[in-house]
C-alpha atoms as a PDB file:
ATOM      1  CA  MET A   1     104.084  26.867 -55.260  1.00  0.00           C
ATOM      2  CA  SER A   2     105.592  23.396 -55.439  1.00  0.00           C
ATOM      3  CA  ARG A   3     103.550  20.391 -54.464  1.00  0.00           C
ATOM      4  CA  ASN A   4     105.856  19.595 -51.497  1.00  0.00           C
ATOM      5  CA  ARG A   5     105.597  23.138 -50.174  1.00  0.00           C
ATOM      6  CA  LEU A   6     101.808  23.048 -50.541  1.00  0.00           C
ATOM      7  CA  VAL A   7     101.653  19.772 -48.585  1.00  0.00           C
ATOM      8  CA  ARG A   8     103.906  21.150 -45.807  1.00  0.00           C
ATOM      9  CA  THR A   9     101.826  24.311 -45.567  1.00  0.00           C
ATOM     10  CA  SER A  10      98.609  22.280 -45.434  1.00  0.00           C
ATOM     11  CA  VAL A  11     100.030  20.081 -42.657  1.00  0.00           C
ATOM     12  CA  LYS A  12     101.020  23.197 -40.660  1.00  0.00           C
ATOM     13  CA  ILE A  13      97.541  24.682 -41.061  1.00  0.00           C
ATOM     14  CA  ILE A  14      95.895  21.436 -39.929  1.00  0.00           C
ATOM     15  CA  ALA A  15      98.246  21.219 -36.926  1.00  0.00           C
ATOM     16  CA  LEU A  16      97.476  24.822 -35.951  1.00  0.00           C
ATOM     17  CA  ALA A  17      93.738  24.251 -36.306  1.00  0.00           C
ATOM     18  CA  SER A  18      93.981  21.145 -34.112  1.00  0.00           C
ATOM     19  CA  GLN A  19      95.789  23.117 -31.416  1.00  0.00           C
ATOM     20  CA  LEU A  20      93.163  25.857 -31.501  1.00  0.00           C
ATOM     21  CA  VAL A  21      90.356  23.308 -31.148  1.00  0.00           C
ATOM     22  CA  ALA A  22      92.153  21.718 -28.180  1.00  0.00           C
ATOM     23  CA  LEU A  23      92.539  25.129 -26.507  1.00  0.00           C
ATOM     24  CA  ALA A  24      88.916  26.154 -27.041  1.00  0.00           C
ATOM     25  CA  PRO A  25      86.841  26.066 -23.847  1.00  0.00           C
ATOM     26  CA  ALA A  26      84.407  23.185 -23.523  1.00  0.00           C
ATOM     27  CA  SER A  27      80.920  24.165 -24.503  1.00  0.00           C
ATOM     28  CA  ALA A  28      78.553  24.883 -21.662  1.00  0.00           C
ATOM     29  CA  ALA A  29      76.085  22.185 -20.768  1.00  0.00           C
ATOM     30  CA  ASP A  30      72.580  22.551 -22.094  1.00  0.00           C
ATOM     31  CA  PRO A  31      70.234  24.169 -19.519  1.00  0.00           C
ATOM     32  CA  ALA A  32      67.831  21.239 -19.930  1.00  0.00           C
ATOM     33  CA  ASP A  33      70.653  18.829 -19.014  1.00  0.00           C
ATOM     34  CA  ILE A  34      71.504  20.920 -15.955  1.00  0.00           C
ATOM     35  CA  ALA A  35      67.838  20.901 -14.891  1.00  0.00           C
ATOM     36  CA  ALA A  36      67.671  17.136 -15.384  1.00  0.00           C
ATOM     37  CA  GLY A  37      70.877  16.739 -13.371  1.00  0.00           C
ATOM     38  CA  PHE A  38      69.415  18.877 -10.570  1.00  0.00           C
ATOM     39  CA  SER A  39      66.382  16.608 -10.379  1.00  0.00           C
ATOM     40  CA  LEU A  40      68.493  13.437 -10.514  1.00  0.00           C
ATOM     41  CA  PHE A  41      70.868  14.777  -7.831  1.00  0.00           C
ATOM     42  CA  ARG A  42      67.977  15.483  -5.480  1.00  0.00           C
ATOM     43  CA  GLN A  43      65.651  12.598  -6.253  1.00  0.00           C
ATOM     44  CA  LYS A  44      66.766   9.439  -8.032  1.00  0.00           C
ATOM     45  CA  GLY A  45      70.429   9.616  -7.019  1.00  0.00           C
ATOM     46  CA  ASN A  46      69.577  11.117  -3.620  1.00  0.00           C
ATOM     47  CA  CYS A  47      73.058  12.657  -3.622  1.00  0.00           C
ATOM     48  CA  GLN A  48      71.939  15.321  -1.153  1.00  0.00           C
ATOM     49  CA  ALA A  49      71.522  12.690   1.555  1.00  0.00           C
ATOM     50  CA  CYS A  50      75.345  12.543   1.864  1.00  0.00           C
ATOM     51  CA  HIS A  51      76.578  15.699   0.109  1.00  0.00           C
ATOM     52  CA  GLY A  52      73.858  18.093   1.314  1.00  0.00           C
ATOM     53  CA  TRP A  53      71.456  20.033  -0.907  1.00  0.00           C
ATOM     54  CA  ALA A  54      74.173  22.590  -1.664  1.00  0.00           C
ATOM     55  CA  GLY A  55      76.879  19.976  -2.234  1.00  0.00           C
ATOM     56  CA  ASP A  56      78.818  21.305   0.755  1.00  0.00           C
ATOM     57  CA  GLY A  57      78.994  18.016   2.659  1.00  0.00           C
ATOM     58  CA  ARG A  58      76.293  19.056   5.135  1.00  0.00           C
ATOM     59  CA  LYS A  59      74.293  15.867   4.743  1.00  0.00           C
ATOM     60  CA  LEU A  60      70.557  15.735   5.248  1.00  0.00           C
ATOM     61  CA  ASP A  61      70.454  12.262   6.765  1.00  0.00           C
ATOM     62  CA  SER A  62      72.633  11.512   9.784  1.00  0.00           C
ATOM     63  CA  GLN A  63      72.401   7.808   8.955  1.00  0.00           C
ATOM     64  CA  MET A  64      74.200   8.327   5.644  1.00  0.00           C
ATOM     65  CA  PRO A  65      77.972   8.412   5.125  1.00  0.00           C
ATOM     66  CA  ASP A  66      79.736  11.768   5.109  1.00  0.00           C
ATOM     67  CA  GLY A  67      79.879  13.038   1.540  1.00  0.00           C
ATOM     68  CA  ALA A  68      82.666  15.158   0.111  1.00  0.00           C
ATOM     69  CA  ASN A  69      82.290  18.925  -0.050  1.00  0.00           C
ATOM     70  CA  LEU A  70      81.705  19.225  -3.794  1.00  0.00           C
ATOM     71  CA  ARG A  71      81.948  23.015  -3.643  1.00  0.00           C
ATOM     72  CA  GLU A  72      85.668  22.644  -2.894  1.00  0.00           C
ATOM     73  CA  SER A  73      86.223  19.883  -5.460  1.00  0.00           C
ATOM     74  CA  VAL A  74      88.574  20.364  -8.390  1.00  0.00           C
ATOM     75  CA  LEU A  75      87.392  17.311 -10.340  1.00  0.00           C
ATOM     76  CA  ASP A  76      86.787  17.820 -14.052  1.00  0.00           C
ATOM     77  CA  ARG A  77      83.798  16.385 -15.924  1.00  0.00           C
ATOM     78  CA  GLU A  78      85.546  13.149 -16.859  1.00  0.00           C
ATOM     79  CA  LYS A  79      86.603  12.452 -13.257  1.00  0.00           C
ATOM     80  CA  LEU A  80      83.176  13.372 -11.889  1.00  0.00           C
ATOM     81  CA  ILE A  81      81.517  10.943 -14.291  1.00  0.00           C
ATOM     82  CA  LEU A  82      83.982   8.218 -13.318  1.00  0.00           C
ATOM     83  CA  THR A  83      83.388   8.833  -9.602  1.00  0.00           C
ATOM     84  CA  ILE A  84      79.597   8.761  -9.958  1.00  0.00           C
ATOM     85  CA  LYS A  85      79.719   5.711 -12.209  1.00  0.00           C
ATOM     86  CA  CYS A  86      82.286   3.721 -10.211  1.00  0.00           C
ATOM     87  CA  GLY A  87      81.971   5.126  -6.706  1.00  0.00           C
ATOM     88  CA  ARG A  88      85.036   5.181  -4.492  1.00  0.00           C
ATOM     89  CA  PRO A  89      86.027   1.774  -3.148  1.00  0.00           C
ATOM     90  CA  GLY A  90      86.726   1.853   0.564  1.00  0.00           C
ATOM     91  CA  THR A  91      84.543   4.915   1.160  1.00  0.00           C
ATOM     92  CA  GLY A  92      80.809   5.506   1.482  1.00  0.00           C
ATOM     93  CA  MET A  93      80.515   6.619  -2.165  1.00  0.00           C
ATOM     94  CA  PRO A  94      78.474   3.986  -4.037  1.00  0.00           C
ATOM     95  CA  ALA A  95      78.802   3.041  -7.686  1.00  0.00           C
ATOM     96  CA  PHE A  96      75.722   4.205  -9.603  1.00  0.00           C
ATOM     97  CA  ASP A  97      76.542   2.101 -12.695  1.00  0.00           C
ATOM     98  CA  LYS A  98      74.661  -1.175 -12.251  1.00  0.00           C
ATOM     99  CA  PHE A  99      77.507  -3.165 -13.830  1.00  0.00           C
ATOM    100  CA  ALA A 100      80.420  -1.159 -12.389  1.00  0.00           C
ATOM    101  CA  TYR A 101      82.263  -4.105 -10.874  1.00  0.00           C
ATOM    102  CA  SER A 102      80.840  -6.940 -12.936  1.00  0.00           C
ATOM    103  CA  ASP A 103      83.343  -6.774 -15.790  1.00  0.00           C
ATOM    104  CA  GLY A 104      86.294  -4.648 -14.700  1.00  0.00           C
ATOM    105  CA  ARG A 105      85.047  -1.419 -16.280  1.00  0.00           C
ATOM    106  CA  CYS A 106      85.779   0.484 -13.072  1.00  0.00           C
ATOM    107  CA  TYR A 107      89.426   0.755 -12.097  1.00  0.00           C
ATOM    108  CA  GLY A 108      89.951  -2.698 -13.641  1.00  0.00           C
ATOM    109  CA  LEU A 109      88.295  -4.316 -10.617  1.00  0.00           C
ATOM    110  CA  LYS A 110      85.537  -6.875 -10.263  1.00  0.00           C
ATOM    111  CA  GLN A 111      83.291  -7.585  -7.288  1.00  0.00           C
ATOM    112  CA  ALA A 112      85.577 -10.444  -6.166  1.00  0.00           C
ATOM    113  CA  ASP A 113      88.575  -8.063  -6.203  1.00  0.00           C
ATOM    114  CA  LEU A 114      86.752  -5.595  -3.975  1.00  0.00           C
ATOM    115  CA  LYS A 115      85.723  -8.361  -1.596  1.00  0.00           C
ATOM    116  CA  GLY A 116      89.302  -9.660  -1.450  1.00  0.00           C
ATOM    117  CA  LEU A 117      90.557  -6.158  -0.620  1.00  0.00           C
ATOM    118  CA  GLY A 118      87.846  -5.723   2.031  1.00  0.00           C
ATOM    119  CA  ARG A 119      86.355  -2.835   0.061  1.00  0.00           C
ATOM    120  CA  GLN A 120      82.743  -3.797  -0.488  1.00  0.00           C
ATOM    121  CA  MET A 121      80.747  -1.021  -2.111  1.00  0.00           C
ATOM    122  CA  PRO A 122      77.590   0.346  -0.492  1.00  0.00           C
ATOM    123  CA  ASP A 123      74.429   0.001  -2.547  1.00  0.00           C
ATOM    124  CA  PRO A 124      73.272   3.185  -4.281  1.00  0.00           C
ATOM    125  CA  PRO A 125      69.697   4.390  -3.762  1.00  0.00           C
ATOM    126  CA  ALA A 126      69.154   3.673  -7.478  1.00  0.00           C
ATOM    127  CA  THR A 127      71.304   2.811 -10.454  1.00  0.00           C
ATOM    128  CA  LEU A 128      71.755   5.383 -13.196  1.00  0.00           C
ATOM    129  CA  ILE A 129      72.321   5.081 -16.920  1.00  0.00           C
ATOM    130  CA  GLY A 130      75.115   6.929 -18.703  1.00  0.00           C
ATOM    131  CA  ARG A 131      73.178  10.019 -19.737  1.00  0.00           C
ATOM    132  CA  GLU A 132      71.799  10.400 -16.185  1.00  0.00           C
ATOM    133  CA  ILE A 133      75.318  10.251 -14.751  1.00  0.00           C
ATOM    134  CA  GLU A 134      76.437  12.841 -17.308  1.00  0.00           C
ATOM    135  CA  ALA A 135      73.488  15.105 -16.433  1.00  0.00           C
ATOM    136  CA  ILE A 136      74.371  14.962 -12.723  1.00  0.00           C
ATOM    137  CA  ALA A 137      77.999  15.787 -13.545  1.00  0.00           C
ATOM    138  CA  ASP A 138      76.912  18.724 -15.731  1.00  0.00           C
ATOM    139  CA  PHE A 139      74.635  20.012 -12.958  1.00  0.00           C
ATOM    140  CA  MET A 140      77.391  19.682 -10.368  1.00  0.00           C
ATOM    141  CA  LEU A 141      79.886  21.511 -12.586  1.00  0.00           C
ATOM    142  CA  ALA A 142      77.398  24.310 -13.258  1.00  0.00           C
ATOM    143  CA  LYS A 143      76.204  24.794  -9.679  1.00  0.00           C
ATOM    144  CA  MET A 144      78.647  23.246  -7.196  1.00  0.00           C
ATOM    145  CA  VAL A 145      82.110  22.078  -8.179  1.00  0.00           C
ATOM    146  CA  GLY A 146      84.697  24.714  -7.422  1.00  0.00           C
ATOM    147  CA  LYS A 147      82.062  27.339  -6.604  1.00  0.00           C
ATOM    148  CA  GLY A 148      83.227  27.946  -3.023  1.00  0.00           C
ATOM    149  CA  ALA A 149      81.046  28.335   0.043  1.00  0.00           C
ATOM    150  CA  MET A 150      77.317  28.832  -0.461  1.00  0.00           C
ATOM    151  CA  ASP A 151      76.037  32.373  -0.034  1.00  0.00           C
ATOM    152  CA  ARG A 152      72.697  34.057  -0.658  1.00  0.00           C
ATOM    153  CA  ALA A 153      73.368  34.915  -4.334  1.00  0.00           C
ATOM    154  CA  LYS A 154      74.573  31.368  -5.083  1.00  0.00           C
ATOM    155  CA  CYS A 155      71.568  29.954  -3.225  1.00  0.00           C
ATOM    156  CA  ILE A 156      69.139  32.014  -5.305  1.00  0.00           C
ATOM    157  CA  ASP A 157      70.970  30.982  -8.489  1.00  0.00           C
ATOM    158  CA  TYR A 158      70.933  27.342  -7.353  1.00  0.00           C
ATOM    159  CA  TRP A 159      67.169  27.249  -6.721  1.00  0.00           C
ATOM    160  CA  GLY A 160      66.208  29.822  -9.359  1.00  0.00           C
ATOM    161  CA  ALA A 161      64.331  31.879  -6.736  1.00  0.00           C
ATOM    162  CA  ASP A 162      64.810  33.465  -3.302  1.00  0.00           C
ATOM    163  CA  LEU A 163      63.381  30.594  -1.251  1.00  0.00           C
ATOM    164  CA  ASP A 164      63.209  30.274   2.536  1.00  0.00           C
ATOM    165  CA  VAL A 165      66.293  28.053   2.484  1.00  0.00           C
ATOM    166  CA  CYS A 166      68.301  31.034   1.150  1.00  0.00           C
ATOM    167  CA  LYS A 167      67.318  33.205   4.120  1.00  0.00           C
ATOM    168  CA  GLU A 168      69.981  31.526   6.291  1.00  0.00           C
ATOM    169  CA  PHE A 169      72.563  33.403   4.230  1.00  0.00           C
ATOM    170  CA  ALA A 170      73.079  37.128   4.886  1.00  0.00           C
ATOM    171  CA  ARG A 171      72.018  39.593   2.212  1.00  0.00           C
END
């Protein structure tokens, strides 16, 4: 085989391998990350106050803004992370990244830009670091996002046991 033909064949093989890698499904999140995300969702981030414990928008605190129904969301991991990190200007969704609007890292905006647009961000219950935001996103993708309405089986899977809270759903 000539050198040129060998090079062309090698390039084709590399291109094919790259396409196969791109088509491969993303690896599932580590169960420990999902468990950490569950805890962060419920406690430090207090996401359930607006989104409800099941992520269905049935908030637990009537004083909190209405949260999106995450069970109907079609956001991918990257967009979930961005939304948690940067919040949603002009809505009740806070930015959980402490420096989100200090240097333009979120949507290219700074605090002064938000103020000028009349889109001040609400304060989050706590700020989160990158790996905490990723853990919440992994938890949400595993247990909420795109999973449809909560039912008894999903409730048991969510909590890991048939708790009283799951009894509201028919068998």
